[in-house]
C-alpha atoms as a PDB file:
ATOM      1  CA  MET A   1     -57.033  -6.142 -39.215  1.00  0.00           C
ATOM      2  CA  SER A   2     -59.661  -3.393 -38.929  1.00  0.00           C
ATOM      3  CA  PRO A   3     -61.279  -2.592 -42.374  1.00  0.00           C
ATOM      4  CA  ASP A   4     -62.836   1.170 -40.365  1.00  0.00           C
ATOM      5  CA  LEU A   5     -58.916   2.603 -40.713  1.00  0.00           C
ATOM      6  CA  PRO A   6     -58.533   5.645 -43.008  1.00  0.00           C
ATOM      7  CA  GLN A   7     -56.681   5.206 -45.797  1.00  0.00           C
ATOM      8  CA  GLY A   8     -52.865   5.706 -45.629  1.00  0.00           C
ATOM      9  CA  THR A   9     -53.604   3.896 -42.251  1.00  0.00           C
ATOM     10  CA  THR A  10     -51.190   0.772 -40.844  1.00  0.00           C
ATOM     11  CA  ALA A  11     -53.347  -1.278 -39.034  1.00  0.00           C
ATOM     12  CA  ALA A  12     -50.924  -3.549 -36.210  1.00  0.00           C
ATOM     13  CA  LEU A  13     -51.328  -4.763 -32.724  1.00  0.00           C
ATOM     14  CA  TRP A  14     -50.013  -1.881 -29.953  1.00  0.00           C
ATOM     15  CA  MET A  15     -48.292  -4.472 -27.143  1.00  0.00           C
ATOM     16  CA  PHE A  16     -48.375  -1.999 -23.585  1.00  0.00           C
ATOM     17  CA  ASP A  17     -47.532  -2.601 -19.877  1.00  0.00           C
ATOM     18  CA  GLN A  18     -51.105  -3.709 -18.850  1.00  0.00           C
ATOM     19  CA  HIS A  19     -52.973  -4.031 -22.159  1.00  0.00           C
ATOM     20  CA  ARG A  20     -52.886  -4.794 -26.651  1.00  0.00           C
ATOM     21  CA  LEU A  21     -54.314  -2.991 -28.156  1.00  0.00           C
ATOM     22  CA  THR A  22     -55.386  -3.460 -32.141  1.00  0.00           C
ATOM     23  CA  ALA A  23     -54.948   0.410 -34.109  1.00  0.00           C
ATOM     24  CA  GLY A  24     -54.237   1.839 -37.039  1.00  0.00           C
ATOM     25  CA  ILE A  25     -51.395   4.625 -37.056  1.00  0.00           C
ATOM     26  CA  GLN A  26     -51.508   7.206 -40.392  1.00  0.00           C
ATOM     27  CA  THR A  27     -48.246   6.229 -41.845  1.00  0.00           C
ATOM     28  CA  GLU A  28     -48.825   7.660 -45.686  1.00  0.00           C
ATOM     29  CA  GLY A  29     -46.262   5.878 -47.295  1.00  0.00           C
ATOM     30  CA  TYR A  30     -43.455   5.828 -45.115  1.00  0.00           C
ATOM     31  CA  ARG A  31     -42.858   2.805 -42.871  1.00  0.00           C
ATOM     32  CA  LEU A  32     -44.291   2.293 -39.518  1.00  0.00           C
ATOM     33  CA  MET A  33     -40.364   2.145 -38.116  1.00  0.00           C
ATOM     34  CA  ASP A  34     -39.785   5.330 -39.607  1.00  0.00           C
ATOM     35  CA  VAL A  35     -43.218   6.810 -38.165  1.00  0.00           C
ATOM     36  CA  LEU A  36     -42.181   5.324 -34.784  1.00  0.00           C
ATOM     37  CA  ASN A  37     -38.610   6.456 -35.083  1.00  0.00           C
ATOM     38  CA  ASP A  38     -39.190   9.969 -35.905  1.00  0.00           C
ATOM     39  CA  HIS A  39     -37.690  12.288 -32.810  1.00  0.00           C
ATOM     40  CA  ASN A  40     -40.203  14.820 -33.693  1.00  0.00           C
ATOM     41  CA  LEU A  41     -42.777  12.754 -32.271  1.00  0.00           C
ATOM     42  CA  ASP A  42     -43.221  12.075 -28.528  1.00  0.00           C
ATOM     43  CA  LEU A  43     -47.233  11.481 -29.387  1.00  0.00           C
ATOM     44  CA  LEU A  44     -48.621   9.129 -31.480  1.00  0.00           C
ATOM     45  CA  GLN A  45     -52.379   9.197 -33.396  1.00  0.00           C
ATOM     46  CA  ILE A  46     -53.637   5.997 -33.566  1.00  0.00           C
ATOM     47  CA  TRP A  47     -57.370   4.695 -34.056  1.00  0.00           C
ATOM     48  CA  PRO A  48     -58.389   1.828 -31.818  1.00  0.00           C
ATOM     49  CA  ALA A  49     -60.030  -0.868 -33.120  1.00  0.00           C
ATOM     50  CA  GLY A  50     -60.999  -2.387 -29.820  1.00  0.00           C
ATOM     51  CA  ASP A  51     -58.947  -3.391 -26.527  1.00  0.00           C
ATOM     52  CA  SER A  52     -58.027  -6.820 -26.309  1.00  0.00           C
ATOM     53  CA  THR A  53     -58.828  -6.745 -22.380  1.00  0.00           C
ATOM     54  CA  GLU A  54     -62.467  -5.052 -22.193  1.00  0.00           C
ATOM     55  CA  ASP A  55     -65.573  -6.474 -23.374  1.00  0.00           C
ATOM     56  CA  GLY A  56     -67.912  -5.266 -26.019  1.00  0.00           C
ATOM     57  CA  GLY A  57     -68.530  -1.489 -26.768  1.00  0.00           C
ATOM     58  CA  GLU A  58     -68.237   0.590 -29.987  1.00  0.00           C
ATOM     59  CA  PRO A  59     -64.030   1.372 -30.797  1.00  0.00           C
ATOM     60  CA  PRO A  60     -63.305   4.488 -30.364  1.00  0.00           C
ATOM     61  CA  GLY A  61     -62.193   7.282 -32.249  1.00  0.00           C
ATOM     62  CA  LEU A  62     -58.470   8.783 -32.853  1.00  0.00           C
ATOM     63  CA  SER A  63     -56.224   8.675 -29.675  1.00  0.00           C
ATOM     64  CA  LEU A  64     -52.797   9.470 -29.023  1.00  0.00           C
ATOM     65  CA  VAL A  65     -50.247   7.659 -26.976  1.00  0.00           C
ATOM     66  CA  ARG A  66     -46.909   8.025 -25.525  1.00  0.00           C
ATOM     67  CA  LYS A  67     -44.575   6.451 -27.922  1.00  0.00           C
ATOM     68  CA  ALA A  68     -42.039   5.942 -24.566  1.00  0.00           C
ATOM     69  CA  SER A  69     -45.529   3.942 -23.272  1.00  0.00           C
ATOM     70  CA  VAL A  70     -45.008   1.724 -26.214  1.00  0.00           C
ATOM     71  CA  LEU A  71     -43.243  -2.089 -25.709  1.00  0.00           C
ATOM     72  CA  VAL A  72     -44.054  -3.527 -28.785  1.00  0.00           C
ATOM     73  CA  VAL A  73     -46.429  -3.123 -32.242  1.00  0.00           C
ATOM     74  CA  ALA A  74     -46.887  -6.762 -33.674  1.00  0.00           C
ATOM     75  CA  ARG A  75     -47.943  -7.062 -37.296  1.00  0.00           C
ATOM     76  CA  PRO A  76     -48.770 -10.724 -38.185  1.00  0.00           C
ATOM     77  CA  ASP A  77     -49.298  -9.686 -41.746  1.00  0.00           C
ATOM     78  CA  ALA A  78     -46.692  -7.382 -42.568  1.00  0.00           C
ATOM     79  CA  GLU A  79     -45.560  -6.816 -46.287  1.00  0.00           C
ATOM     80  CA  HIS A  80     -42.527  -5.004 -46.507  1.00  0.00           C
ATOM     81  CA  GLU A  81     -44.618  -1.173 -46.205  1.00  0.00           C
ATOM     82  CA  ALA A  82     -42.281   0.667 -48.754  1.00  0.00           C
ATOM     83  CA  PRO A  83     -41.190  -1.906 -51.207  1.00  0.00           C
ATOM     84  CA  VAL A  84     -40.137   1.546 -53.637  1.00  0.00           C
ATOM     85  CA  GLU A  85     -37.689   2.474 -50.883  1.00  0.00           C
ATOM     86  CA  GLN A  86     -36.025  -1.059 -50.642  1.00  0.00           C
ATOM     87  CA  GLY A  87     -33.620  -0.828 -53.550  1.00  0.00           C
ATOM     88  CA  TYR A  88     -32.157   2.354 -52.639  1.00  0.00           C
ATOM     89  CA  ARG A  89     -31.968   1.108 -48.856  1.00  0.00           C
ATOM     90  CA  TYR A  90     -30.306  -2.044 -49.368  1.00  0.00           C
ATOM     91  CA  VAL A  91     -27.852  -2.427 -46.819  1.00  0.00           C
ATOM     92  CA  PRO A  92     -26.346  -6.281 -46.319  1.00  0.00           C
ATOM     93  CA  LYS A  93     -27.097  -8.094 -42.886  1.00  0.00           C
ATOM     94  CA  SER A  94     -27.396 -11.105 -41.125  1.00  0.00           C
ATOM     95  CA  ALA A  95     -30.382 -12.566 -39.529  1.00  0.00           C
ATOM     96  CA  TYR A  96     -29.399 -14.009 -35.557  1.00  0.00           C
ATOM     97  CA  PRO A  97     -31.729 -15.937 -33.317  1.00  0.00           C
ATOM     98  CA  VAL A  98     -32.634 -13.429 -30.551  1.00  0.00           C
ATOM     99  CA  GLU A  99     -35.129 -13.722 -27.012  1.00  0.00           C
ATOM    100  CA  LEU A 100     -36.001 -10.744 -25.282  1.00  0.00           C
ATOM    101  CA  LEU A 101     -37.756  -9.638 -22.303  1.00  0.00           C
ATOM    102  CA  VAL A 102     -39.735  -6.744 -22.533  1.00  0.00           C
ATOM    103  CA  GLY A 103     -41.931  -5.564 -19.783  1.00  0.00           C
ATOM    104  CA  GLY A 104     -44.222  -8.683 -19.213  1.00  0.00           C
ATOM    105  CA  TYR A 105     -44.077 -10.290 -23.127  1.00  0.00           C
ATOM    106  CA  ARG A 106     -40.771 -12.767 -24.063  1.00  0.00           C
ATOM    107  CA  ILE A 107     -40.352 -12.119 -28.004  1.00  0.00           C
ATOM    108  CA  ARG A 108     -38.155 -14.865 -30.365  1.00  0.00           C
ATOM    109  CA  GLY A 109     -37.292 -14.200 -33.240  1.00  0.00           C
ATOM    110  CA  LEU A 110     -34.836 -13.230 -35.861  1.00  0.00           C
ATOM    111  CA  VAL A 111     -32.943  -9.608 -35.878  1.00  0.00           C
ATOM    112  CA  HIS A 112     -31.130  -8.226 -38.869  1.00  0.00           C
ATOM    113  CA  LEU A 113     -27.731  -6.847 -38.120  1.00  0.00           C
ATOM    114  CA  GLY A 114     -23.988  -5.393 -39.802  1.00  0.00           C
ATOM    115  CA  GLU A 115     -21.058  -6.751 -38.506  1.00  0.00           C
ATOM    116  CA  ARG A 116     -21.435  -6.621 -34.885  1.00  0.00           C
ATOM    117  CA  PRO A 117     -24.143  -8.937 -33.171  1.00  0.00           C
ATOM    118  CA  ASP A 118     -23.142  -7.514 -29.853  1.00  0.00           C
ATOM    119  CA  PRO A 119     -26.014  -7.625 -27.573  1.00  0.00           C
ATOM    120  CA  LEU A 120     -24.112  -4.510 -25.801  1.00  0.00           C
ATOM    121  CA  TYR A 121     -23.203  -2.945 -28.986  1.00  0.00           C
ATOM    122  CA  LEU A 122     -27.131  -3.042 -30.090  1.00  0.00           C
ATOM    123  CA  LEU A 123     -28.673  -1.385 -27.026  1.00  0.00           C
ATOM    124  CA  THR A 124     -26.375   1.887 -26.574  1.00  0.00           C
ATOM    125  CA  VAL A 125     -25.191   2.206 -30.015  1.00  0.00           C
ATOM    126  CA  ASP A 126     -26.563   0.530 -33.345  1.00  0.00           C
ATOM    127  CA  LEU A 127     -30.433   0.154 -33.024  1.00  0.00           C
ATOM    128  CA  ASP A 128     -32.743   3.028 -33.008  1.00  0.00           C
ATOM    129  CA  GLU A 129     -35.314   3.855 -30.645  1.00  0.00           C
ATOM    130  CA  PHE A 130     -37.478   1.205 -32.643  1.00  0.00           C
ATOM    131  CA  PHE A 131     -35.910  -1.907 -33.972  1.00  0.00           C
ATOM    132  CA  ALA A 132     -37.206  -4.896 -35.755  1.00  0.00           C
ATOM    133  CA  VAL A 133     -37.670  -8.769 -35.206  1.00  0.00           C
ATOM    134  CA  THR A 134     -39.070 -10.399 -37.891  1.00  0.00           C
ATOM    135  CA  ASP A 135     -40.617 -14.269 -37.607  1.00  0.00           C
ATOM    136  CA  ALA A 136     -41.347 -13.326 -34.104  1.00  0.00           C
ATOM    137  CA  VAL A 137     -43.156 -15.664 -31.940  1.00  0.00           C
ATOM    138  CA  ILE A 138     -44.686 -13.308 -28.447  1.00  0.00           C
ATOM    139  CA  GLU A 139     -46.028 -15.009 -25.038  1.00  0.00           C
ATOM    140  CA  CYS A 140     -47.765 -12.175 -23.568  1.00  0.00           C
ATOM    141  CA  PRO A 141     -48.297 -12.062 -19.508  1.00  0.00           C
ATOM    142  CA  ASP A 142     -51.680 -13.375 -19.665  1.00  0.00           C
ATOM    143  CA  GLY A 143     -50.435 -16.237 -21.617  1.00  0.00           C
ATOM    144  CA  ALA A 144     -51.672 -15.708 -24.873  1.00  0.00           C
ATOM    145  CA  ARG A 145     -48.845 -16.151 -28.184  1.00  0.00           C
ATOM    146  CA  VAL A 146     -49.086 -13.605 -30.673  1.00  0.00           C
ATOM    147  CA  GLU A 147     -46.689 -14.551 -34.089  1.00  0.00           C
ATOM    148  CA  ALA A 148     -46.289 -12.042 -36.131  1.00  0.00           C
ATOM    149  CA  ARG A 149     -43.868 -11.592 -39.771  1.00  0.00           C
ATOM    150  CA  VAL A 150     -42.563  -8.021 -37.821  1.00  0.00           C
ATOM    151  CA  ALA A 151     -42.572  -6.892 -34.285  1.00  0.00           C
ATOM    152  CA  THR A 152     -41.319  -3.900 -34.126  1.00  0.00           C
ATOM    153  CA  ILE A 153     -39.287  -3.454 -29.932  1.00  0.00           C
ATOM    154  CA  ASN A 154     -39.054  -0.520 -28.071  1.00  0.00           C
ATOM    155  CA  ARG A 155     -35.143  -0.569 -27.266  1.00  0.00           C
ATOM    156  CA  SER A 156     -35.510   1.727 -24.174  1.00  0.00           C
ATOM    157  CA  ARG A 157     -37.867  -0.983 -22.592  1.00  0.00           C
ATOM    158  CA  VAL A 158     -35.384  -4.293 -23.474  1.00  0.00           C
ATOM    159  CA  ALA A 159     -35.111  -5.842 -19.811  1.00  0.00           C
ATOM    160  CA  MET A 160     -33.036  -8.721 -21.689  1.00  0.00           C
ATOM    161  CA  LEU A 161     -31.731  -9.354 -25.074  1.00  0.00           C
ATOM    162  CA  ARG A 162     -30.092 -12.476 -25.646  1.00  0.00           C
ATOM    163  CA  VAL A 163     -28.543 -12.800 -29.428  1.00  0.00           C
ATOM    164  CA  ASP A 164     -26.924 -16.284 -30.879  1.00  0.00           C
ATOM    165  CA  ARG A 165     -23.881 -14.891 -32.275  1.00  0.00           C
ATOM    166  CA  GLN A 166     -22.968 -18.661 -33.900  1.00  0.00           C
ATOM    167  CA  ALA A 167     -26.471 -19.343 -35.546  1.00  0.00           C
ATOM    168  CA  ALA A 168     -26.533 -16.418 -38.054  1.00  0.00           C
ATOM    169  CA  SER A 169     -28.383 -16.816 -41.599  1.00  0.00           C
ATOM    170  CA  ALA A 170     -26.381 -14.184 -44.388  1.00  0.00           C
ATOM    171  CA  GLY A 171     -27.482 -12.031 -47.348  1.00  0.00           C
ATOM    172  CA  GLU A 172     -30.669 -10.727 -45.382  1.00  0.00           C
ATOM    173  CA  ALA A 173     -31.949  -7.282 -46.132  1.00  0.00           C
ATOM    174  CA  ALA A 174     -32.620  -4.444 -44.173  1.00  0.00           C
END
């Protein structure tokens, strides 16, 4: 997304209530999901590459973001971030079609779950602070449409969640 990011940085499209920002976050070999779900972090250090709501200007340097203010982190071209760890973290899951409303964003994609595809259970017990929706299509408040192989969603900011429990595909890894 931006060639000017420091090494060991994962680039993504960060979505907030009123803005979208392309920025990188230092991951140093960890998955972005692990960094976002680190309970010791309330502030995230990111390197913005430019704000989609502003015209022109030089990209700012290192910035701090309150993790609680992040709605969605989308990675349109995501590869598996830590393939060495994947073999050790394999958990059999099924992929369920999902639709979410998060802030002004409408998100459709697949959520990968174990045995309980119950939306109440998902939002109260099963998921971490941030969870992944794969093959996501995101409709933005300004009418823009973003497609992402992985969209990481802030669970506490989900206004509505619908899981199609009848249309699961088994055997997916998480």
